[in-house]
Protein backbone atom coordinates (compact mmCIF):
# COMPACT_ATOMS: atom_id res chain seq x y z
CA MET A 1 27.50 -2.67 18.64
CA VAL A 2 24.29 -3.89 20.23
CA SER A 3 24.25 -4.11 23.95
CA GLU A 4 24.33 -7.42 25.94
CA GLU A 5 20.89 -6.40 27.36
CA CYS A 6 19.36 -6.05 23.91
CA LEU A 7 20.83 -9.41 22.85
CA ARG A 8 19.21 -10.93 25.91
CA LEU A 9 15.86 -9.33 24.93
CA ILE A 10 16.14 -10.74 21.34
CA HIS A 11 16.58 -14.21 22.76
CA LYS A 12 13.69 -13.50 25.16
CA LYS A 13 11.33 -12.70 22.18
CA ILE A 14 12.60 -15.67 20.18
CA ALA A 15 11.67 -17.87 23.22
CA LYS A 16 8.08 -16.30 23.04
CA GLY A 17 8.67 -13.98 26.01
CA THR A 18 6.66 -10.76 26.56
CA LEU A 19 8.70 -7.54 26.53
CA SER A 20 8.00 -4.62 28.89
CA GLU A 21 7.63 -0.99 27.79
CA ASP A 22 11.19 -0.15 29.04
CA GLU A 23 12.59 -3.17 27.25
CA ILE A 24 10.87 -2.21 23.95
CA SER A 25 12.08 1.39 24.40
CA LEU A 26 15.66 0.21 24.81
CA ILE A 27 15.47 -2.06 21.69
CA VAL A 28 13.94 0.78 19.51
CA ASN A 29 16.48 3.33 20.70
CA GLU A 30 19.45 1.00 19.91
CA ILE A 31 17.89 0.22 16.41
CA SER A 32 17.57 3.96 15.81
CA ASP A 33 21.18 4.49 16.84
CA ASP A 34 22.40 1.86 14.40
CA LYS A 35 23.69 -0.42 17.02
CA PHE A 36 22.05 -3.54 15.58
CA SER A 37 23.74 -5.48 12.78
CA GLU A 38 21.60 -6.70 9.86
CA THR A 39 21.67 -10.20 11.17
CA GLU A 40 20.57 -8.99 14.64
CA LEU A 41 17.72 -6.85 13.02
CA THR A 42 16.54 -9.79 10.92
CA ALA A 43 16.52 -12.15 13.91
CA PHE A 44 14.52 -9.65 16.01
CA PHE A 45 12.04 -8.85 13.21
CA VAL A 46 11.47 -12.62 12.39
CA SER A 47 10.87 -13.26 16.04
CA LEU A 48 8.15 -10.58 16.11
CA ALA A 49 6.62 -11.90 12.90
CA THR A 50 6.69 -15.50 14.29
CA ASN A 51 5.56 -14.98 17.89
CA GLY A 52 3.46 -11.86 17.57
CA LEU A 53 2.88 -8.97 19.97
CA THR A 54 0.44 -8.55 22.80
CA GLU A 55 -1.75 -5.45 22.75
CA GLU A 56 0.45 -3.86 25.51
CA GLU A 57 3.61 -4.68 23.38
CA MET A 58 2.01 -3.06 20.33
CA ILE A 59 1.14 0.11 22.16
CA ALA A 60 4.58 0.26 23.75
CA PHE A 61 6.16 -0.13 20.26
CA THR A 62 3.98 2.47 18.85
CA LYS A 63 4.95 5.02 21.49
CA ALA A 64 8.63 4.07 21.26
CA LEU A 65 8.70 4.29 17.44
CA ARG A 66 6.96 7.70 17.52
CA GLU A 67 9.48 9.11 19.99
CA SER A 68 12.47 7.65 18.17
CA GLY A 69 12.36 10.14 15.30
CA ASN A 70 11.27 13.56 14.26
CA ILE A 71 7.84 14.96 15.27
CA LEU A 72 6.36 17.66 12.97
CA ARG A 73 3.92 20.28 14.00
CA PHE A 74 1.42 22.10 11.73
CA GLU A 75 -0.33 25.37 12.51
CA LYS A 76 -3.54 24.59 10.53
CA HIS A 77 -5.82 22.00 12.05
CA PRO A 78 -7.57 19.56 11.67
CA VAL A 79 -4.89 17.50 10.22
CA ILE A 80 -6.00 14.24 8.52
CA THR A 81 -4.36 11.58 6.44
CA LYS A 82 -5.05 8.13 4.93
CA HIS A 83 -3.14 4.85 4.84
CA SER A 84 -3.82 1.39 3.54
CA ILE A 85 -2.51 -2.04 4.67
CA GLY A 86 -1.58 -2.61 1.03
CA GLY A 87 -1.17 -5.82 -0.80
CA ILE A 88 -3.81 -5.17 -3.49
CA PRO A 89 -2.65 -4.57 -7.09
CA GLY A 90 -3.91 -1.37 -8.64
CA ASN A 91 -4.80 0.12 -5.27
CA GLU A 92 -2.88 3.43 -5.63
CA VAL A 93 -5.52 6.00 -4.80
CA SER A 94 -3.60 8.29 -2.49
CA LEU A 95 -2.44 10.63 -5.27
CA ILE A 96 -6.14 11.25 -6.06
CA ILE A 97 -7.28 11.48 -2.39
CA VAL A 98 -4.51 13.87 -1.28
CA PRO A 99 -5.28 16.73 -3.76
CA ILE A 100 -9.04 16.27 -3.11
CA ILE A 101 -8.60 16.77 0.64
CA ALA A 102 -6.10 19.59 0.26
CA ALA A 103 -8.30 21.40 -2.28
CA ALA A 104 -11.12 21.26 0.30
CA GLY A 105 -8.85 23.38 2.59
CA LEU A 106 -7.78 20.63 4.94
CA THR A 107 -4.22 19.79 5.94
CA ILE A 108 -3.18 16.43 4.66
CA PRO A 109 0.58 15.45 5.00
CA LYS A 110 0.93 11.99 3.26
CA THR A 111 3.96 9.93 3.94
CA ALA A 112 4.55 6.59 2.27
CA THR A 113 6.99 3.85 1.37
CA HIS A 114 7.82 2.05 -1.77
CA ALA A 115 5.85 -1.08 -2.48
CA ILE A 116 6.90 -4.09 -0.39
CA THR A 117 4.58 -6.78 -1.83
CA SER A 118 2.59 -5.17 -4.57
CA PRO A 119 3.54 -4.02 -8.10
CA CYS A 120 3.28 -0.25 -7.12
CA GLY A 121 3.13 1.87 -4.07
CA THR A 122 2.29 5.50 -3.37
CA LEU A 123 5.93 6.59 -3.39
CA ASP A 124 6.69 4.64 -6.55
CA VAL A 125 4.02 6.74 -8.38
CA ALA A 126 4.76 10.04 -6.69
CA GLU A 127 8.53 9.97 -7.57
CA ILE A 128 7.66 9.82 -11.31
CA PHE A 129 6.39 13.28 -10.95
CA CYS A 130 8.58 14.84 -8.24
CA PRO A 131 11.21 14.40 -5.61
CA VAL A 132 9.89 12.57 -2.53
CA GLU A 133 12.92 12.54 -0.34
CA LEU A 134 12.21 15.83 1.42
CA SER A 135 13.59 16.94 4.81
CA PRO A 136 11.28 17.81 7.70
CA GLU A 137 11.73 21.48 7.04
CA GLU A 138 11.01 21.13 3.28
CA THR A 139 7.99 18.91 4.03
CA LYS A 140 6.54 21.62 6.37
CA ARG A 141 7.06 24.32 3.73
CA VAL A 142 5.26 22.32 1.08
CA VAL A 143 2.27 21.56 3.41
CA GLU A 144 2.06 25.17 4.59
CA LYS A 145 2.09 26.35 1.01
CA THR A 146 -0.35 23.76 -0.58
CA ASN A 147 -2.15 21.95 2.36
CA GLY A 148 -0.65 18.68 1.35
CA CYS A 149 2.44 16.57 0.44
CA ILE A 150 3.39 13.20 -0.80
CA VAL A 151 6.76 12.32 0.65
CA SER A 152 8.92 9.50 2.03
CA GLY A 153 8.43 8.96 5.69
CA LYS A 154 11.96 7.69 5.85
CA SER A 155 13.45 11.01 4.53
CA VAL A 156 11.31 13.00 6.99
CA GLY A 157 12.78 10.94 9.78
CA LEU A 158 9.57 9.54 11.17
CA ALA A 159 10.04 6.34 13.29
CA PRO A 160 13.45 5.53 11.70
CA ALA A 161 13.72 2.22 13.64
CA ILE A 162 10.90 0.61 11.65
CA ASP A 163 12.55 1.66 8.28
CA LYS A 164 15.81 0.04 9.43
CA MET A 165 14.02 -3.12 10.26
CA LEU A 166 12.22 -3.18 6.99
CA ASP A 167 15.38 -2.58 5.03
CA ALA A 168 17.07 -5.53 6.68
CA VAL A 169 14.33 -7.95 5.74
CA SER A 170 13.10 -6.41 2.45
CA SER A 171 14.17 -9.47 0.45
CA LEU A 172 12.10 -11.76 2.63
CA ARG A 173 8.91 -9.77 1.94
CA ILE A 174 7.67 -10.15 5.53
CA ASP A 175 5.01 -7.78 6.68
CA PRO A 176 3.69 -8.85 10.11
CA LYS A 177 0.35 -7.21 10.72
CA GLN A 178 0.98 -6.16 14.39
CA LEU A 179 4.15 -4.35 13.63
CA MET A 180 2.45 -2.78 10.57
CA VAL A 181 -0.11 -1.38 12.90
CA ALA A 182 2.55 0.02 15.29
CA SER A 183 4.49 1.50 12.33
CA ILE A 184 1.53 3.24 10.72
CA ILE A 185 0.13 4.62 13.93
CA ALA A 186 3.56 5.82 15.11
CA LYS A 187 4.37 7.61 11.82
CA THR A 188 0.93 9.15 11.68
CA ALA A 189 1.10 10.47 15.23
CA ALA A 190 4.54 11.94 14.47
CA LEU A 191 2.89 14.07 11.78
CA ASP A 192 0.57 15.83 14.29
CA VAL A 193 -2.47 14.07 12.74
CA ASP A 194 -5.90 14.40 14.38
CA TYR A 195 -7.66 11.89 12.11
CA LEU A 196 -6.50 8.81 10.35
CA LEU A 197 -8.57 6.83 7.70
CA MET A 198 -7.41 3.28 7.24
CA ASP A 199 -8.16 1.33 4.19
CA ILE A 200 -8.36 -2.39 4.89
CA PRO A 201 -8.97 -4.43 1.73
CA THR A 202 -10.44 -7.95 2.47
CA GLY A 203 -10.80 -10.90 0.17
CA LYS A 204 -9.18 -14.09 -1.00
CA LYS A 205 -5.44 -13.75 -0.86
CA ALA A 206 -5.55 -10.23 0.53
CA LYS A 207 -3.67 -9.47 3.83
CA ALA A 208 -7.09 -9.80 5.55
CA ALA A 209 -8.51 -12.78 3.85
CA HIS A 210 -11.91 -12.62 5.55
CA ILE A 211 -14.10 -9.78 6.69
CA SER A 212 -13.90 -11.09 10.29
CA GLU A 213 -10.15 -10.74 10.08
CA ALA A 214 -10.47 -7.19 8.59
CA GLU A 215 -12.80 -6.27 11.47
CA ARG A 216 -10.35 -7.59 14.10
CA LEU A 217 -7.51 -5.60 12.37
CA ALA A 218 -9.70 -2.53 12.37
CA THR A 219 -10.37 -2.94 16.07
CA VAL A 220 -6.69 -3.11 16.71
CA PHE A 221 -5.95 0.07 14.73
CA THR A 222 -8.59 2.02 16.55
CA ALA A 223 -7.52 0.78 19.97
CA VAL A 224 -3.84 1.53 19.39
CA GLY A 225 -4.74 4.92 17.88
CA GLN A 226 -6.91 5.79 20.91
CA SER A 227 -3.99 4.95 23.21
CA ILE A 228 -2.05 7.86 21.85
CA ASN A 229 -5.07 10.19 21.28
CA LEU A 230 -5.40 9.58 17.62
CA LYS A 231 -8.90 9.16 16.13
CA VAL A 232 -8.84 6.21 13.67
CA GLU A 233 -11.62 5.24 11.44
CA CYS A 234 -11.34 2.10 9.21
CA ALA A 235 -12.89 1.45 5.88
CA ILE A 236 -13.11 -2.23 4.98
CA THR A 237 -12.95 -2.43 1.22
CA PRO A 238 -13.15 -5.22 -1.47
CA GLY A 239 -9.77 -6.86 -1.94
CA ASP A 240 -10.57 -9.87 -4.01
CA LYS A 241 -9.56 -8.25 -7.32
CA PRO A 242 -7.39 -5.40 -8.62
CA VAL A 243 -8.59 -1.82 -8.25
CA GLY A 244 -8.94 -0.61 -11.80
CA SER A 245 -7.35 -2.17 -14.86
CA ARG A 246 -3.73 -0.99 -14.81
CA LEU A 247 -1.03 -2.39 -12.38
CA GLY A 248 2.42 -0.85 -12.28
CA VAL A 249 4.03 2.55 -11.76
CA SER A 250 3.58 4.38 -15.13
CA LEU A 251 0.35 2.59 -15.91
CA GLU A 252 -1.23 3.65 -12.54
CA ALA A 253 0.18 7.18 -12.75
CA ALA A 254 -1.35 7.69 -16.17
CA SER A 255 -4.70 6.26 -14.83
CA LEU A 256 -4.85 8.61 -11.89
CA LEU A 257 -4.17 11.67 -14.15
CA ARG A 258 -6.98 10.61 -16.50
CA THR A 259 -9.21 10.40 -13.38
CA LEU A 260 -8.23 13.89 -12.15
CA LYS A 261 -8.74 15.23 -15.64
CA ASN A 262 -12.28 13.70 -15.54
CA GLU A 263 -11.42 11.63 -18.68
CA GLU A 264 -11.84 8.27 -16.91
CA TRP A 265 -14.30 7.28 -14.22
CA GLY A 266 -13.89 3.73 -13.06
CA GLU A 267 -13.21 1.62 -9.96
CA LYS A 268 -10.17 3.74 -8.98
CA ALA A 269 -12.25 6.97 -9.07
CA ASN A 270 -15.23 5.41 -7.24
CA LYS A 271 -12.92 4.11 -4.44
CA SER A 272 -10.97 7.38 -4.24
CA THR A 273 -14.12 9.64 -3.87
CA SER A 274 -15.66 7.16 -1.43
CA LEU A 275 -12.62 7.29 0.96
CA ALA A 276 -12.11 11.08 0.42
CA GLY A 277 -15.82 11.58 1.24
CA ILE A 278 -15.42 9.79 4.58
CA MET A 279 -12.49 12.06 5.30
CA LEU A 280 -14.56 15.19 4.49
CA GLU A 281 -17.31 14.05 6.66
CA LEU A 282 -14.92 13.13 9.57
CA THR A 283 -13.48 16.66 9.65
CA GLY A 284 -16.85 18.42 9.38
CA LYS A 285 -16.42 19.75 5.84
CA CYS A 286 -19.79 18.35 4.85
CA GLU A 287 -22.87 16.81 6.31
CA PRO A 288 -22.87 13.03 6.99
CA GLY A 289 -23.59 11.18 3.75
CA ALA A 290 -22.61 14.17 1.51
CA GLY A 291 -18.83 13.42 1.40
CA LYS A 292 -18.57 11.34 -1.77
CA GLU A 293 -20.61 13.95 -3.70
CA LEU A 294 -18.37 16.72 -2.60
CA ALA A 295 -15.26 14.71 -3.37
CA THR A 296 -16.62 14.07 -6.83
CA LYS A 297 -17.39 17.68 -7.47
CA ILE A 298 -13.77 18.65 -6.36
CA ILE A 299 -12.48 16.35 -9.17
CA THR A 300 -15.00 17.38 -11.83
CA SER A 301 -14.42 21.06 -11.21
CA GLY A 302 -10.78 20.63 -11.95
CA LYS A 303 -9.73 21.64 -8.35
CA ALA A 304 -8.13 18.41 -7.46
CA LEU A 305 -5.93 18.27 -10.58
CA LYS A 306 -4.93 21.95 -9.97
CA LYS A 307 -4.04 21.09 -6.39
CA LEU A 308 -2.02 17.96 -7.35
CA ASN A 309 -0.10 20.19 -9.75
CA GLU A 310 0.61 22.78 -7.00
CA ILE A 311 1.94 20.08 -4.66
CA VAL A 312 4.09 18.45 -7.20
CA GLU A 313 5.56 21.76 -8.34
CA ALA A 314 6.09 22.71 -4.61
CA GLN A 315 8.10 19.51 -4.36
CA GLY A 316 10.17 20.38 -7.27
CA GLY A 317 8.57 18.39 -10.01
CA SER A 318 6.03 18.40 -12.89
CA LEU A 319 2.97 16.37 -14.07
CA ASP A 320 4.23 16.70 -17.65
CA VAL A 321 6.20 13.51 -17.86
CA ASP A 322 6.34 10.42 -20.18
CA LEU A 323 4.06 7.71 -18.77
CA SER A 324 4.36 5.21 -21.63
CA PRO A 325 4.56 1.53 -20.55
CA GLY A 326 7.57 -0.60 -21.66
CA ASP A 327 8.22 -1.34 -25.25
CA SER A 328 8.60 -5.04 -24.56
CA LYS A 329 5.10 -6.48 -24.26
CA PHE A 330 3.09 -9.74 -24.49
CA ASP A 331 -0.62 -10.41 -24.71
CA VAL A 332 -1.92 -13.23 -22.63
CA CYS A 333 -5.03 -14.71 -24.30
CA ALA A 334 -7.86 -16.93 -23.14
CA PRO A 335 -6.96 -20.60 -23.59
CA VAL A 336 -10.71 -21.51 -23.79
CA SER A 337 -13.97 -19.81 -24.06
CA GLY A 338 -15.79 -18.90 -20.79
CA VAL A 339 -16.96 -16.27 -18.32
CA VAL A 340 -14.53 -14.28 -16.15
CA TYR A 341 -15.49 -14.92 -12.54
CA GLY A 342 -12.36 -13.66 -10.63
CA PHE A 343 -8.85 -12.67 -10.51
CA ASP A 344 -5.79 -14.19 -8.69
CA ASN A 345 -4.34 -11.04 -7.16
CA GLN A 346 -1.19 -12.89 -6.06
CA ALA A 347 -0.53 -14.23 -9.54
CA LEU A 348 -1.03 -10.85 -11.20
CA THR A 349 1.32 -9.24 -8.56
CA SER A 350 3.94 -11.86 -9.09
CA ILE A 351 3.82 -11.57 -12.87
CA ALA A 352 4.02 -7.78 -12.68
CA ARG A 353 6.97 -7.91 -10.27
CA VAL A 354 8.80 -10.47 -12.24
CA ALA A 355 8.38 -8.17 -15.26
CA GLY A 356 10.21 -5.50 -13.20
CA ALA A 357 7.58 -3.58 -11.23
CA PRO A 358 7.93 -1.45 -9.26
CA LYS A 359 11.66 -0.65 -9.80
CA ASP A 360 11.09 -0.70 -13.56
CA LYS A 361 8.60 2.15 -13.83
CA GLN A 362 7.45 0.97 -17.21
CA ALA A 363 6.72 -2.61 -16.15
CA GLY A 364 3.19 -3.74 -15.27
CA ILE A 365 0.00 -5.30 -16.39
CA GLU A 366 -3.10 -3.91 -18.29
CA LEU A 367 -6.26 -5.84 -17.88
CA TRP A 368 -8.63 -6.03 -20.76
CA VAL A 369 -11.54 -8.01 -19.11
CA ARG A 370 -13.68 -7.58 -16.04
CA ARG A 371 -15.68 -9.95 -13.85
CA GLY A 372 -18.69 -11.17 -15.64
CA ASP A 373 -17.27 -10.68 -19.09
CA LYS A 374 -17.83 -13.55 -21.63
CA VAL A 375 -14.62 -14.28 -23.52
CA GLU A 376 -13.77 -16.41 -26.50
CA LYS A 377 -10.81 -18.73 -26.91
CA GLY A 378 -7.87 -16.62 -28.13
CA GLN A 379 -9.27 -13.27 -26.83
CA LYS A 380 -6.84 -10.96 -25.08
CA LEU A 381 -7.13 -11.04 -21.33
CA TYR A 382 -4.22 -8.88 -20.25
CA THR A 383 -0.93 -7.36 -21.52
CA ILE A 384 2.33 -7.68 -19.71
CA TYR A 385 4.81 -4.72 -20.15
CA SER A 386 8.48 -4.38 -19.29
CA SER A 387 11.51 -2.39 -20.45
CA SER A 388 13.54 -5.58 -20.48
CA GLU A 389 13.05 -8.49 -22.92
CA ALA A 390 14.64 -10.89 -20.45
CA ARG A 391 12.41 -9.86 -17.60
CA LEU A 392 9.36 -10.07 -19.96
CA ASP A 393 10.36 -13.60 -20.93
CA LYS A 394 10.48 -14.67 -17.29
CA ALA A 395 7.01 -12.97 -16.68
CA ILE A 396 5.48 -14.76 -19.69
CA GLU A 397 6.89 -18.10 -18.29
CA LEU A 398 5.19 -17.37 -14.97
CA ALA A 399 1.93 -16.25 -16.64
CA GLN A 400 1.80 -19.58 -18.50
CA ARG A 401 2.05 -21.55 -15.32
CA HIS A 402 -0.68 -19.61 -13.41
CA ASP A 403 -4.21 -18.70 -14.35
CA ALA A 404 -4.31 -14.98 -13.25
CA ILE A 405 -7.73 -14.55 -14.78
CA LEU A 406 -10.16 -17.11 -13.49
CA MET A 407 -12.84 -18.33 -15.86
CA GLU A 408 -15.92 -20.52 -15.40
CA ARG A 409 -15.53 -23.66 -17.43
CA PRO A 410 -17.94 -26.61 -17.94
CA ILE A 411 -14.87 -29.01 -17.26
CA LEU A 412 -12.01 -27.99 -14.99
CA LYS A 413 -9.74 -30.90 -15.73
CA LEU A 414 -10.00 -34.36 -17.56
CA VAL A 415 -8.47 -37.24 -15.60
CA THR A 416 -7.85 -40.33 -17.72
CA PRO A 417 -7.92 -43.96 -16.32
CA ARG A 418 -4.65 -45.21 -14.91
CA ARG A 419 -3.52 -47.96 -12.54
CA LEU A 420 -4.15 -47.23 -8.92
CA ASP A 421 -1.04 -47.49 -6.90
CA THR A 422 -0.47 -47.36 -3.10
CA GLU A 423 0.57 -43.83 -3.00
CA SER A 424 -2.55 -42.52 -4.80
CA SER A 425 -5.04 -44.83 -3.01
CA LEU A 426 -7.88 -43.23 -1.02
């Protein structure tokens, strides 16, 4: 049962009060010890999402979260890892980056969660190939053997308080940025990491809608990292459209394997090698400006695919799995002729999730057009996949209500004459 003091502090935060370092430490400890009920966790989480945190509170949360769980130590340094603020469909690039960095001889422990708001997360893809719920001891053995891992931060026991809070509010799909910063930095620091590269996508309907917002978020990440001696570098990336053409677990898993086999070289490969290149430069593996080229060579030589296979096998899995999308599918076609000028990421995400992603590994969307393409009426724009006819029907219904693919049209809407009433008057 939660203490009276913690209840007082919840009410204090609901009333927009500021919490001290000791007060935050007490709350985090009681959450870690399972003293909070789901209702109390939800109330506290929503108060943070609504009222925000000061910089001092964020730093205090980060330190308390890090100390609340396990802290791993690795012999081989430097240790580097990569995280993203998420929210962009098709943005699963970690399973390409991890083997590139590990094949370069660097230590890269990658912990992740399942997708919260997108059709697919790092863990959703990784668990297609191998177990991801590893203990701290198992995680260390995999990293020492292969230089890398892709595991659940929850199973390793990193900052357990934040996982309990997220579990309590998962149905609400709330992801407050300040708590996200504290969570990512705390879990990263608990992995003995020297360098962290943050991917911050920006664009319409992204978590950072404008580049100025992305820059502010980057400043917060670097400042909070600096407070606990973690060097954080942030890459602000395009977030106004999906990364690649496949959204959903099995579809993205197949895409990343094709990239590592050098059979496909598109947006996902370009973004992966760009981010991996920054990491190689940060750690002194190459001269400034030469990182992307080195990352590309590690893929084209076959070293990255070989390394991913080593990591997956060390975690008890195999890359030889069925990655077929669901048998139930529907083609969404262009209602009129026009030119593709954009994508509605939120609509695509919602459609994929209604189809079953990410829990249904075979659910998702495959895009058939790119920005700038000229399409004719009736031409296929994208395909929705699901393993359930019922879920597919709901996804089709949603797709028919929303234009997920945005096209230039000479006429947007025809409004016919009608009587002007008081409610519609100017």
